[in-house]
C-alpha atoms as a PDB file:
ATOM      1  CA  MET A   1       0.000   0.000   0.000  1.00  0.00           C
ATOM      2  CA  THR A   2       1.270   3.472  -0.785  1.00  0.00           C
ATOM      3  CA  ALA A   3       1.452   6.262   1.769  1.00  0.00           C
ATOM      4  CA  GLY A   4      -1.857   7.645   0.624  1.00  0.00           C
ATOM      5  CA  GLY A   5      -3.484   4.342  -0.300  1.00  0.00           C
ATOM      6  CA  THR A   6      -6.183   3.693  -2.873  1.00  0.00           C
ATOM      7  CA  THR A   7      -9.764   2.584  -2.763  1.00  0.00           C
ATOM      8  CA  THR A   8     -10.175  -1.126  -3.314  1.00  0.00           C
ATOM      9  CA  GLY A   9     -13.463  -2.954  -3.604  1.00  0.00           C
ATOM     10  CA  GLY A  10     -15.427   0.019  -2.259  1.00  0.00           C
ATOM     11  CA  ARG A  11     -13.455   0.087   1.002  1.00  0.00           C
ATOM     12  CA  ALA A  12     -11.164   2.843   2.189  1.00  0.00           C
ATOM     13  CA  ALA A  13      -7.477   2.064   1.922  1.00  0.00           C
ATOM     14  CA  ARG A  14      -5.854   2.144   5.326  1.00  0.00           C
ATOM     15  CA  GLY A  15      -2.315   1.955   6.569  1.00  0.00           C
ATOM     16  CA  ARG A  16       0.452   3.567   8.529  1.00  0.00           C
ATOM     17  CA  ALA A  17       1.749   6.166   6.110  1.00  0.00           C
ATOM     18  CA  ALA A  18       5.357   6.862   5.246  1.00  0.00           C
ATOM     19  CA  TYR A  19       5.287  10.021   7.327  1.00  0.00           C
ATOM     20  CA  GLU A  20       8.325  12.103   8.168  1.00  0.00           C
ATOM     21  CA  VAL A  21       8.969  14.584  10.937  1.00  0.00           C
ATOM     22  CA  ALA A  22       9.004  18.071   9.417  1.00  0.00           C
ATOM     23  CA  VAL A  23       9.376  19.961  12.704  1.00  0.00           C
ATOM     24  CA  ARG A  24      10.201  18.141  15.916  1.00  0.00           C
ATOM     25  CA  ALA A  25       8.466  20.193  18.591  1.00  0.00           C
ATOM     26  CA  ARG A  26       6.526  20.012  21.829  1.00  0.00           C
ATOM     27  CA  ALA A  27       3.642  22.273  20.914  1.00  0.00           C
ATOM     28  CA  ALA A  28       0.825  22.184  23.426  1.00  0.00           C
ATOM     29  CA  LEU A  29      -1.766  22.695  20.702  1.00  0.00           C
ATOM     30  CA  GLY A  30      -0.178  22.840  17.252  1.00  0.00           C
ATOM     31  CA  GLU A  31      -2.741  23.973  14.692  1.00  0.00           C
ATOM     32  CA  GLY A  32      -3.504  25.650  11.388  1.00  0.00           C
ATOM     33  CA  PRO A  33      -0.791  24.575   8.912  1.00  0.00           C
ATOM     34  CA  THR A  34      -0.803  26.926   5.920  1.00  0.00           C
ATOM     35  CA  TRP A  35       1.550  26.960   2.940  1.00  0.00           C
ATOM     36  CA  ASP A  36       2.674  30.454   1.955  1.00  0.00           C
ATOM     37  CA  PRO A  37       3.756  30.176  -1.716  1.00  0.00           C
ATOM     38  CA  ALA A  38       5.226  33.673  -1.823  1.00  0.00           C
ATOM     39  CA  ALA A  39       7.586  32.932   1.054  1.00  0.00           C
ATOM     40  CA  GLY A  40       7.991  29.218   0.277  1.00  0.00           C
ATOM     41  CA  HIS A  41       7.360  28.183   3.843  1.00  0.00           C
ATOM     42  CA  LEU A  42       4.783  26.637   6.132  1.00  0.00           C
ATOM     43  CA  ILE A  43       3.013  28.751   8.739  1.00  0.00           C
ATOM     44  CA  TRP A  44       1.541  27.091  11.829  1.00  0.00           C
ATOM     45  CA  VAL A  45       0.570  28.083  15.359  1.00  0.00           C
ATOM     46  CA  ASP A  46       0.779  26.765  18.889  1.00  0.00           C
ATOM     47  CA  ILE A  47      -2.485  28.148  20.217  1.00  0.00           C
ATOM     48  CA  LEU A  48      -1.899  27.744  23.944  1.00  0.00           C
ATOM     49  CA  SER A  49       1.704  28.941  23.830  1.00  0.00           C
ATOM     50  CA  SER A  50       0.694  32.079  21.872  1.00  0.00           C
ATOM     51  CA  ARG A  51       3.257  31.448  19.150  1.00  0.00           C
ATOM     52  CA  VAL A  52       3.296  31.669  15.352  1.00  0.00           C
ATOM     53  CA  HIS A  53       5.870  29.412  13.700  1.00  0.00           C
ATOM     54  CA  THR A  54       7.270  29.194  10.183  1.00  0.00           C
ATOM     55  CA  TYR A  55       9.219  26.346   8.612  1.00  0.00           C
ATOM     56  CA  ASP A  56      11.115  26.373   5.304  1.00  0.00           C
ATOM     57  CA  PRO A  57      11.521  22.757   4.128  1.00  0.00           C
ATOM     58  CA  ALA A  58      14.156  23.746   1.552  1.00  0.00           C
ATOM     59  CA  SER A  59      16.575  25.221   4.081  1.00  0.00           C
ATOM     60  CA  GLY A  60      15.241  23.852   7.364  1.00  0.00           C
ATOM     61  CA  ARG A  61      15.005  27.418   8.685  1.00  0.00           C
ATOM     62  CA  ARG A  62      12.416  28.033  11.403  1.00  0.00           C
ATOM     63  CA  THR A  63      11.113  31.192  13.028  1.00  0.00           C
ATOM     64  CA  VAL A  64       8.933  31.778  16.080  1.00  0.00           C
ATOM     65  CA  ARG A  65       6.916  34.896  16.906  1.00  0.00           C
ATOM     66  CA  ALA A  66       5.069  35.582  20.169  1.00  0.00           C
ATOM     67  CA  THR A  67       1.578  37.035  19.831  1.00  0.00           C
ATOM     68  CA  GLY A  68       0.871  38.074  23.414  1.00  0.00           C
ATOM     69  CA  GLN A  69      -2.389  36.132  23.588  1.00  0.00           C
ATOM     70  CA  HIS A  70      -3.738  32.801  22.385  1.00  0.00           C
ATOM     71  CA  VAL A  71      -3.692  32.591  18.588  1.00  0.00           C
ATOM     72  CA  GLY A  72      -6.030  30.220  16.741  1.00  0.00           C
ATOM     73  CA  ALA A  73      -4.725  30.773  13.217  1.00  0.00           C
ATOM     74  CA  ALA A  74      -2.225  32.796  11.182  1.00  0.00           C
ATOM     75  CA  LYS A  75      -2.624  33.311   7.432  1.00  0.00           C
ATOM     76  CA  PRO A  76      -0.579  35.269   4.869  1.00  0.00           C
ATOM     77  CA  ARG A  77      -1.734  38.675   3.639  1.00  0.00           C
ATOM     78  CA  ALA A  78      -1.618  39.683  -0.022  1.00  0.00           C
ATOM     79  CA  GLY A  79       0.728  42.595   0.691  1.00  0.00           C
ATOM     80  CA  GLY A  80       2.932  40.717   3.137  1.00  0.00           C
ATOM     81  CA  GLY A  81       2.553  40.103   6.840  1.00  0.00           C
ATOM     82  CA  LEU A  82      -0.106  37.991   8.530  1.00  0.00           C
ATOM     83  CA  VAL A  83      -3.718  38.059   9.618  1.00  0.00           C
ATOM     84  CA  LEU A  84      -4.136  36.528  13.089  1.00  0.00           C
ATOM     85  CA  ASN A  85      -7.231  35.017  14.711  1.00  0.00           C
ATOM     86  CA  LEU A  86      -6.553  35.914  18.334  1.00  0.00           C
ATOM     87  CA  ARG A  87      -8.298  35.596  21.688  1.00  0.00           C
ATOM     88  CA  ASP A  88      -9.738  39.123  21.516  1.00  0.00           C
ATOM     89  CA  GLY A  89     -10.388  39.417  17.787  1.00  0.00           C
ATOM     90  CA  VAL A  90      -8.573  39.548  14.474  1.00  0.00           C
ATOM     91  CA  GLY A  91      -5.317  41.465  14.065  1.00  0.00           C
ATOM     92  CA  LEU A  92      -2.825  42.226  11.320  1.00  0.00           C
ATOM     93  CA  THR A  93       0.958  42.217  11.265  1.00  0.00           C
ATOM     94  CA  GLU A  94       2.906  44.178   8.686  1.00  0.00           C
ATOM     95  CA  PRO A  95       6.003  42.756   6.967  1.00  0.00           C
ATOM     96  CA  ASP A  96       8.130  44.672   9.506  1.00  0.00           C
ATOM     97  CA  GLY A  97       6.249  43.016  12.392  1.00  0.00           C
ATOM     98  CA  THR A  98       4.109  46.021  13.342  1.00  0.00           C
ATOM     99  CA  PHE A  99       0.745  44.934  14.780  1.00  0.00           C
ATOM    100  CA  ARG A 100      -2.706  46.517  14.629  1.00  0.00           C
ATOM    101  CA  TRP A 101      -6.224  45.305  15.278  1.00  0.00           C
ATOM    102  CA  LEU A 102      -8.512  44.768  12.300  1.00  0.00           C
ATOM    103  CA  HIS A 103     -11.549  43.810  14.399  1.00  0.00           C
ATOM    104  CA  ARG A 104     -11.222  43.767  18.168  1.00  0.00           C
ATOM    105  CA  ALA A 105     -14.211  42.140  19.885  1.00  0.00           C
ATOM    106  CA  PRO A 106     -13.185  40.504  23.175  1.00  0.00           C
ATOM    107  CA  VAL A 107     -15.678  38.174  24.856  1.00  0.00           C
ATOM    108  CA  PRO A 108     -14.718  36.875  28.324  1.00  0.00           C
ATOM    109  CA  GLY A 109     -14.095  33.129  28.245  1.00  0.00           C
ATOM    110  CA  ARG A 110     -13.881  32.937  24.440  1.00  0.00           C
ATOM    111  CA  ARG A 111     -10.952  32.734  21.998  1.00  0.00           C
ATOM    112  CA  GLY A 112     -10.231  32.528  18.305  1.00  0.00           C
ATOM    113  CA  ASN A 113      -9.789  29.055  16.860  1.00  0.00           C
ATOM    114  CA  ASP A 114      -9.308  27.805  13.290  1.00  0.00           C
ATOM    115  CA  ALA A 115      -9.688  30.170  10.326  1.00  0.00           C
ATOM    116  CA  ALA A 116      -9.425  30.061   6.529  1.00  0.00           C
ATOM    117  CA  ILE A 117      -9.176  32.404   3.555  1.00  0.00           C
ATOM    118  CA  ALA A 118     -12.003  32.225   1.025  1.00  0.00           C
ATOM    119  CA  PRO A 119     -11.419  32.451  -2.737  1.00  0.00           C
ATOM    120  CA  ASP A 120     -12.455  36.132  -2.609  1.00  0.00           C
ATOM    121  CA  GLY A 121      -9.742  36.907  -0.051  1.00  0.00           C
ATOM    122  CA  ALA A 122     -12.030  37.228   2.981  1.00  0.00           C
ATOM    123  CA  LEU A 123     -11.116  35.617   6.307  1.00  0.00           C
ATOM    124  CA  TRP A 124     -13.571  33.166   7.835  1.00  0.00           C
ATOM    125  CA  ALA A 125     -12.634  33.119  11.516  1.00  0.00           C
ATOM    126  CA  GLY A 126     -13.985  30.706  14.099  1.00  0.00           C
ATOM    127  CA  THR A 127     -14.271  31.077  17.857  1.00  0.00           C
ATOM    128  CA  MET A 128     -15.003  28.804  20.804  1.00  0.00           C
ATOM    129  CA  ARG A 129     -15.448  28.989  24.558  1.00  0.00           C
ATOM    130  CA  TYR A 130     -12.523  27.834  26.665  1.00  0.00           C
ATOM    131  CA  ASP A 131     -14.901  25.490  28.488  1.00  0.00           C
ATOM    132  CA  GLU A 132     -16.286  24.297  25.117  1.00  0.00           C
ATOM    133  CA  SER A 133     -19.831  25.081  26.195  1.00  0.00           C
ATOM    134  CA  ALA A 134     -22.409  24.273  23.540  1.00  0.00           C
ATOM    135  CA  GLY A 135     -23.291  27.127  21.206  1.00  0.00           C
ATOM    136  CA  GLY A 136     -20.668  29.450  22.683  1.00  0.00           C
ATOM    137  CA  GLY A 137     -18.698  29.964  19.476  1.00  0.00           C
ATOM    138  CA  THR A 138     -19.172  31.688  16.149  1.00  0.00           C
ATOM    139  CA  LEU A 139     -18.004  31.729  12.545  1.00  0.00           C
ATOM    140  CA  THR A 140     -17.443  35.244  11.181  1.00  0.00           C
ATOM    141  CA  ARG A 141     -16.526  36.538   7.721  1.00  0.00           C
ATOM    142  CA  LEU A 142     -14.099  39.479   7.787  1.00  0.00           C
ATOM    143  CA  THR A 143     -12.891  41.679   4.942  1.00  0.00           C
ATOM    144  CA  GLY A 144      -9.732  43.721   4.672  1.00  0.00           C
ATOM    145  CA  GLU A 145     -11.746  46.855   5.466  1.00  0.00           C
ATOM    146  CA  GLY A 146     -12.666  45.400   8.849  1.00  0.00           C
ATOM    147  CA  THR A 147     -16.273  44.487   8.028  1.00  0.00           C
ATOM    148  CA  ALA A 148     -17.302  41.551  10.219  1.00  0.00           C
ATOM    149  CA  ASP A 149     -20.446  39.533   9.481  1.00  0.00           C
ATOM    150  CA  VAL A 150     -21.381  36.654  11.769  1.00  0.00           C
ATOM    151  CA  VAL A 151     -22.270  33.698   9.565  1.00  0.00           C
ATOM    152  CA  LEU A 152     -22.943  31.122  12.297  1.00  0.00           C
ATOM    153  CA  ASP A 153     -23.699  32.058  15.908  1.00  0.00           C
ATOM    154  CA  ASP A 154     -24.524  28.689  17.447  1.00  0.00           C
ATOM    155  CA  VAL A 155     -21.189  26.884  17.173  1.00  0.00           C
ATOM    156  CA  THR A 156     -19.430  24.895  19.882  1.00  0.00           C
ATOM    157  CA  VAL A 157     -15.881  24.326  18.547  1.00  0.00           C
ATOM    158  CA  SER A 158     -15.472  26.067  15.193  1.00  0.00           C
ATOM    159  CA  ASN A 159     -12.821  24.184  13.261  1.00  0.00           C
ATOM    160  CA  GLY A 160     -11.968  23.149   9.697  1.00  0.00           C
ATOM    161  CA  THR A 161     -13.186  25.373   6.856  1.00  0.00           C
ATOM    162  CA  GLY A 162     -12.353  24.990   3.163  1.00  0.00           C
ATOM    163  CA  TRP A 163     -13.665  25.535  -0.363  1.00  0.00           C
ATOM    164  CA  SER A 164     -14.033  23.272  -3.371  1.00  0.00           C
ATOM    165  CA  PRO A 165     -11.582  23.957  -6.235  1.00  0.00           C
ATOM    166  CA  ASP A 166     -14.295  25.758  -8.221  1.00  0.00           C
ATOM    167  CA  GLY A 167     -15.319  27.844  -5.203  1.00  0.00           C
ATOM    168  CA  ARG A 168     -18.945  26.729  -5.345  1.00  0.00           C
ATOM    169  CA  LEU A 169     -18.946  24.741  -2.101  1.00  0.00           C
ATOM    170  CA  MET A 170     -17.697  25.437   1.421  1.00  0.00           C
ATOM    171  CA  TYR A 171     -16.922  22.640   3.864  1.00  0.00           C
ATOM    172  CA  TYR A 172     -17.100  23.193   7.612  1.00  0.00           C
ATOM    173  CA  VAL A 173     -16.558  21.338  10.895  1.00  0.00           C
ATOM    174  CA  ASP A 174     -18.099  22.055  14.290  1.00  0.00           C
ATOM    175  CA  THR A 175     -16.082  19.357  16.033  1.00  0.00           C
ATOM    176  CA  PRO A 176     -18.539  17.917  18.620  1.00  0.00           C
ATOM    177  CA  THR A 177     -21.104  17.220  15.897  1.00  0.00           C
ATOM    178  CA  ARG A 178     -18.713  14.624  14.399  1.00  0.00           C
ATOM    179  CA  ARG A 179     -19.816  15.897  10.977  1.00  0.00           C
ATOM    180  CA  ILE A 180     -18.270  17.537   7.954  1.00  0.00           C
ATOM    181  CA  ASP A 181     -20.941  19.867   6.620  1.00  0.00           C
ATOM    182  CA  VAL A 182     -21.119  21.467   3.197  1.00  0.00           C
ATOM    183  CA  PHE A 183     -22.743  24.734   2.083  1.00  0.00           C
ATOM    184  CA  ASP A 184     -23.484  26.205  -1.309  1.00  0.00           C
ATOM    185  CA  VAL A 185     -21.605  29.471  -1.867  1.00  0.00           C
ATOM    186  CA  ASP A 186     -23.823  32.398  -2.833  1.00  0.00           C
ATOM    187  CA  GLY A 187     -21.531  35.404  -3.289  1.00  0.00           C
ATOM    188  CA  PRO A 188     -20.256  36.372   0.167  1.00  0.00           C
ATOM    189  CA  ARG A 189     -22.889  34.153   1.816  1.00  0.00           C
ATOM    190  CA  VAL A 190     -23.244  30.403   2.264  1.00  0.00           C
ATOM    191  CA  VAL A 191     -26.603  28.602   2.132  1.00  0.00           C
ATOM    192  CA  ASN A 192     -28.190  25.142   2.184  1.00  0.00           C
ATOM    193  CA  ARG A 193     -26.124  23.552   4.962  1.00  0.00           C
ATOM    194  CA  ARG A 194     -26.161  19.747   4.997  1.00  0.00           C
ATOM    195  CA  PRO A 195     -23.864  16.953   6.248  1.00  0.00           C
ATOM    196  CA  VAL A 196     -21.553  15.370   3.691  1.00  0.00           C
ATOM    197  CA  ALA A 197     -19.763  12.924   6.017  1.00  0.00           C
ATOM    198  CA  ARG A 198     -19.954  11.701   9.596  1.00  0.00           C
ATOM    199  CA  VAL A 199     -17.137  10.325  11.745  1.00  0.00           C
ATOM    200  CA  GLU A 200     -18.330   7.269  13.586  1.00  0.00           C
ATOM    201  CA  GLU A 201     -18.175   6.867  17.360  1.00  0.00           C
ATOM    202  CA  GLY A 202     -14.749   5.705  18.518  1.00  0.00           C
ATOM    203  CA  ALA A 203     -12.874   7.043  15.479  1.00  0.00           C
ATOM    204  CA  GLY A 204     -12.088  10.445  16.967  1.00  0.00           C
ATOM    205  CA  PHE A 205     -13.454  13.907  16.238  1.00  0.00           C
ATOM    206  CA  PRO A 206     -13.093  15.891  13.003  1.00  0.00           C
ATOM    207  CA  ASP A 207     -10.779  18.881  13.423  1.00  0.00           C
ATOM    208  CA  GLY A 208      -8.956  20.940  10.765  1.00  0.00           C
ATOM    209  CA  LEU A 209      -9.421  20.150   7.081  1.00  0.00           C
ATOM    210  CA  THR A 210      -8.157  20.922   3.594  1.00  0.00           C
ATOM    211  CA  VAL A 211      -9.602  20.323   0.121  1.00  0.00           C
ATOM    212  CA  ASP A 212      -7.448  18.831  -2.642  1.00  0.00           C
ATOM    213  CA  ALA A 213      -7.370  19.363  -6.391  1.00  0.00           C
ATOM    214  CA  ASP A 214      -9.860  16.515  -6.892  1.00  0.00           C
ATOM    215  CA  GLY A 215     -12.362  18.220  -4.600  1.00  0.00           C
ATOM    216  CA  CYS A 216     -11.817  15.632  -1.860  1.00  0.00           C
ATOM    217  CA  VAL A 217     -11.787  16.682   1.793  1.00  0.00           C
ATOM    218  CA  TRP A 218      -8.901  15.698   4.054  1.00  0.00           C
ATOM    219  CA  VAL A 219      -9.655  15.988   7.771  1.00  0.00           C
ATOM    220  CA  ALA A 220      -7.521  15.413  10.873  1.00  0.00           C
ATOM    221  CA  LEU A 221      -9.118  13.271  13.578  1.00  0.00           C
ATOM    222  CA  TRP A 222      -8.531  14.498  17.133  1.00  0.00           C
ATOM    223  CA  ASP A 223      -8.245  11.445  19.405  1.00  0.00           C
ATOM    224  CA  GLY A 224      -8.390   9.351  16.235  1.00  0.00           C
ATOM    225  CA  GLY A 225      -4.682   9.220  15.342  1.00  0.00           C
ATOM    226  CA  ALA A 226      -5.377   9.603  11.634  1.00  0.00           C
ATOM    227  CA  VAL A 227      -6.133  11.830   8.680  1.00  0.00           C
ATOM    228  CA  ARG A 228      -9.006  10.799   6.431  1.00  0.00           C
ATOM    229  CA  ARG A 229      -9.921  11.731   2.883  1.00  0.00           C
ATOM    230  CA  TYR A 230     -13.577  11.898   1.855  1.00  0.00           C
ATOM    231  CA  THR A 231     -14.808  12.223  -1.714  1.00  0.00           C
ATOM    232  CA  PRO A 232     -17.200  15.062  -2.654  1.00  0.00           C
ATOM    233  CA  ALA A 233     -20.003  12.494  -2.353  1.00  0.00           C
ATOM    234  CA  GLY A 234     -18.994  11.841   1.254  1.00  0.00           C
ATOM    235  CA  ASP A 235     -17.409   8.420   0.722  1.00  0.00           C
ATOM    236  CA  LEU A 236     -14.366   7.585   2.836  1.00  0.00           C
ATOM    237  CA  ASP A 237     -11.640   6.444   0.435  1.00  0.00           C
ATOM    238  CA  ARG A 238      -8.343   6.968   2.254  1.00  0.00           C
ATOM    239  CA  VAL A 239      -7.036   6.768   5.803  1.00  0.00           C
ATOM    240  CA  ILE A 240      -3.543   7.818   6.836  1.00  0.00           C
ATOM    241  CA  GLU A 241      -2.768   6.458  10.279  1.00  0.00           C
ATOM    242  CA  LEU A 242      -0.320   8.425  12.412  1.00  0.00           C
ATOM    243  CA  PRO A 243       1.615   7.602  15.587  1.00  0.00           C
ATOM    244  CA  VAL A 244       0.137  10.467  17.619  1.00  0.00           C
ATOM    245  CA  PRO A 245      -3.425  10.419  18.976  1.00  0.00           C
ATOM    246  CA  ARG A 246      -4.185  14.091  18.421  1.00  0.00           C
ATOM    247  CA  PRO A 247      -3.535  15.325  14.886  1.00  0.00           C
ATOM    248  CA  THR A 248      -5.248  18.688  14.653  1.00  0.00           C
ATOM    249  CA  ALA A 249      -5.177  19.945  11.061  1.00  0.00           C
ATOM    250  CA  CYS A 250      -3.648  19.297   7.659  1.00  0.00           C
ATOM    251  CA  ALA A 251      -2.613  21.255   4.576  1.00  0.00           C
ATOM    252  CA  PHE A 252      -0.788  20.611   1.326  1.00  0.00           C
ATOM    253  CA  GLY A 253       2.523  22.355   0.847  1.00  0.00           C
ATOM    254  CA  GLY A 254       5.849  22.276  -0.932  1.00  0.00           C
ATOM    255  CA  PRO A 255       6.612  23.675  -4.402  1.00  0.00           C
ATOM    256  CA  ASP A 256       4.112  21.358  -6.086  1.00  0.00           C
ATOM    257  CA  LEU A 257       1.592  21.251  -3.216  1.00  0.00           C
ATOM    258  CA  THR A 258       1.941  17.466  -3.003  1.00  0.00           C
ATOM    259  CA  ASP A 259       3.195  17.091   0.581  1.00  0.00           C
ATOM    260  CA  LEU A 260       0.579  16.824   3.325  1.00  0.00           C
ATOM    261  CA  TYR A 261       1.623  18.644   6.510  1.00  0.00           C
ATOM    262  CA  VAL A 262      -0.125  17.671   9.738  1.00  0.00           C
ATOM    263  CA  THR A 263      -0.009  19.611  13.012  1.00  0.00           C
ATOM    264  CA  THR A 264      -0.413  17.749  16.290  1.00  0.00           C
ATOM    265  CA  ALA A 265      -1.090  18.400  19.979  1.00  0.00           C
ATOM    266  CA  ARG A 266       0.082  17.079  23.340  1.00  0.00           C
ATOM    267  CA  THR A 267      -2.307  18.990  25.586  1.00  0.00           C
ATOM    268  CA  GLY A 268      -4.442  16.796  27.836  1.00  0.00           C
ATOM    269  CA  LEU A 269      -2.339  13.679  27.303  1.00  0.00           C
ATOM    270  CA  SER A 270      -0.997  12.039  30.457  1.00  0.00           C
ATOM    271  CA  ALA A 271       1.789  10.223  28.585  1.00  0.00           C
ATOM    272  CA  PRO A 272       2.304  12.011  25.236  1.00  0.00           C
ATOM    273  CA  HIS A 273       3.922  10.195  22.326  1.00  0.00           C
ATOM    274  CA  PRO A 274       7.432  11.578  21.685  1.00  0.00           C
ATOM    275  CA  LEU A 275       6.173  13.168  18.459  1.00  0.00           C
ATOM    276  CA  ALA A 276       3.053  14.721  19.979  1.00  0.00           C
ATOM    277  CA  GLY A 277       3.258  18.452  19.339  1.00  0.00           C
ATOM    278  CA  SER A 278       5.437  18.038  16.246  1.00  0.00           C
ATOM    279  CA  VAL A 279       4.584  18.819  12.623  1.00  0.00           C
ATOM    280  CA  LEU A 280       4.501  15.672  10.493  1.00  0.00           C
ATOM    281  CA  VAL A 281       4.557  15.452   6.714  1.00  0.00           C
ATOM    282  CA  VAL A 282       3.455  12.756   4.270  1.00  0.00           C
ATOM    283  CA  PRO A 283       5.401  13.370   1.035  1.00  0.00           C
ATOM    284  CA  GLY A 284       3.460  12.862  -2.167  1.00  0.00           C
ATOM    285  CA  ALA A 285       0.150  12.268  -0.409  1.00  0.00           C
ATOM    286  CA  GLY A 286      -1.888  14.038  -3.090  1.00  0.00           C
ATOM    287  CA  ARG A 287      -2.139  17.438  -4.730  1.00  0.00           C
ATOM    288  CA  GLY A 288      -3.450  20.547  -3.074  1.00  0.00           C
ATOM    289  CA  VAL A 289      -4.988  23.725  -4.409  1.00  0.00           C
ATOM    290  CA  PRO A 290      -3.159  27.070  -4.143  1.00  0.00           C
ATOM    291  CA  GLN A 291      -4.619  28.998  -1.226  1.00  0.00           C
ATOM    292  CA  PRO A 292      -5.410  32.710  -1.542  1.00  0.00           C
ATOM    293  CA  ALA A 293      -3.879  35.307   0.745  1.00  0.00           C
ATOM    294  CA  PHE A 294      -5.977  37.648   2.871  1.00  0.00           C
ATOM    295  CA  ALA A 295      -7.008  40.678   0.846  1.00  0.00           C
ATOM    296  CA  GLY A 296      -6.210  43.250   3.494  1.00  0.00           C
END
């Protein structure tokens, strides 16, 4: 079986992939891998350590930046710098590191979580309560001008968000539901929410996701020790098993967008695996879609 596997006889291919360690780390809650094609490096965050990391696979160079508060996601901006989904709202860094708030909206007991850039350059930023209380989170669409429109206001743990290659569909995960949902895209809005796949009891919880060039959805399974790929019809056709129990998110990167990077966590584990908190990579797992930068 190859690292990615293939579908045989209607059953999902499964196996321990030929993963490599991209970044050996001890992140408490590694999250949000994002390939920045302009810089040629991977961006990822350690939410609970309030750090934004970069990793250049060509040179091995790594950088770390403190954010001053918990950071759920960091994405590249079209003009350089980053857009950050923070505890108290969404902020921007300039290429020289200068910081300013784009939309500051602190809510006691709540923080930013996963986020994604839509094809039109808007940021879709999720939030959640620290105690993970039901309905305490949101999903908000933000533009570079600072306009913030709440899309979903009854979310528990807002997580993976991604778009089909043609931009007509948006996939979304509210982790405790165990579902991957899909919406139709209607300009800046999304409509007609329905489940496209469900993760069965005992297989973990869906977390961060990415969509590949075939329109298939790859999702990391928290407490499931695996990354799964689902077809647009919702069929499970590939399972990449990993040595760590808490993979958190995945993204394609590298010059050809064929390497699948997976962030992981060690928080809450009494005896973490030595690689828990590291960034893993599965070379040649598939082919990703170039991700837009934030238009602001």
